[in-house]
């Protein structure tokens, strides 16, 4: 029965009708997130729609979980943007080259994931200290918040960035980046500080939309009918904001025109089946100067960063799969899911998507809406691909509403980091240090520093004291 999966123990019995229903619900409720997370990556929101299907389809073919979903998440979006210096890169080289850069990064992450699966990394992923994971998660969520505020509180995100650049905070950002190369996160922190301390600079209409949508999404479960699936509140808020934009001639930032493929474009299977997906030139992606422009000319640094990204990504999958195992007794294989992560990232790179990972919210929705197998996420992927011609309905959607979708996913934990506050002693120190480093520098640097700091402080604490005469 639909919405019955919480009580199922063991892998559910295959039911194609349930999978079609679940996949359809997932496709409908996730569209606003696809656009919002594309904005977080740093390129046009419509790209989140045009590139989401292929990676999820590949994931559905490779994963062993009946419920786990993957895609660009708030975490992968902010990590990619920070690792690649998204804003500065777009300003210098343009969005098209940035899309190529992000796509190439997805390919490297895909390869790194598969290699790590082969060498047995999957078994080690669960050994990352909880203090490092808690701090890292908070630092990344602060980065997600900082990426959403410019379009949430201002008619156009560039307004906030320009204001910060000409303020005293701009000098602080410059000083930190000079002292600590790779500190891309400090710009986001400065955005938050400026926005909160200068409410008079907000755009009244954009800010009202943002606050209204975020408040509705965060509180909707208290009054919406219980039969409505998770994600319905996001669809309602986004639809209402879109209607407001159309009927009020909203002048702030919107999604804008969503291009469609030419009738002859796409992939043809056996000359019969036409799949409307535009492929990147993979050979050209391998020649993108990603190491030269983003990693100090070092391929070694690029591979290490891609490996760290892959490992951090996999922690999300471990958390989701472990939860299903404890709640529903559904077994899982770490090597297989790490390979699935790799395959889906290769597909992401091939169609121009940012790196993907396991999505906790979408996976929980799949379980709740009755998915019985991987067919559920395959149905979702196919709907995203074939329904693209009808997605122009999202063109007038205000970016302020999409920012509210993003903020609603992280606001509670950013304001009240319960997992960090629950840490004691040296674990608390490690958690705070990891959080601060992740927020100010980048997710990959923060995660690496957190692990090193944990080992160092553990060694100092357990080291035996020398006997005195």
Foldseek 3Di string as FASTA:
>chain_A
DFLPLLPAFAFFDADVVLLLQLLVLLLLLCLLVLLLLVLLLPAFSLLSLQQFQQLQLLLLVQFFDLQWTKGRDLQLSLQNCLLQVRVVCCVVPNDVLVLLLQLLLLLLLLVLLLVCLVVPCLVVLVVQDLLLVLLLVLLSLLSSLLSLVLLQFALHSVLLLVVCCPDPNVVVLVVVCVVPPQQSLSSSVSSVVVCVVCVVSGDVVSNVLLVVLLVQLLCVVVPDDPVDFPSVSLSVSQVVLLVCCVVVVDDGDASAANDADDPPDADADPNPDGFRAHWDPVVVSVVSQSCVNRVVVDPVSSSLLSNLSLSSLLSVVVVQQVVCCVSRVYDGDSSSSSNSQSSSSNSSSGRSHGRMHIDNVSSVSSSSRRRNRSSSSSSNSSCSRVCSVVVRSRNSRRSSSSSSVSCSVRVVCNVPVPSLVPDDDVSNVLSNQLNVCCSRRNSSVSSVVSSVSVVVVVCVVPPDDDDDD
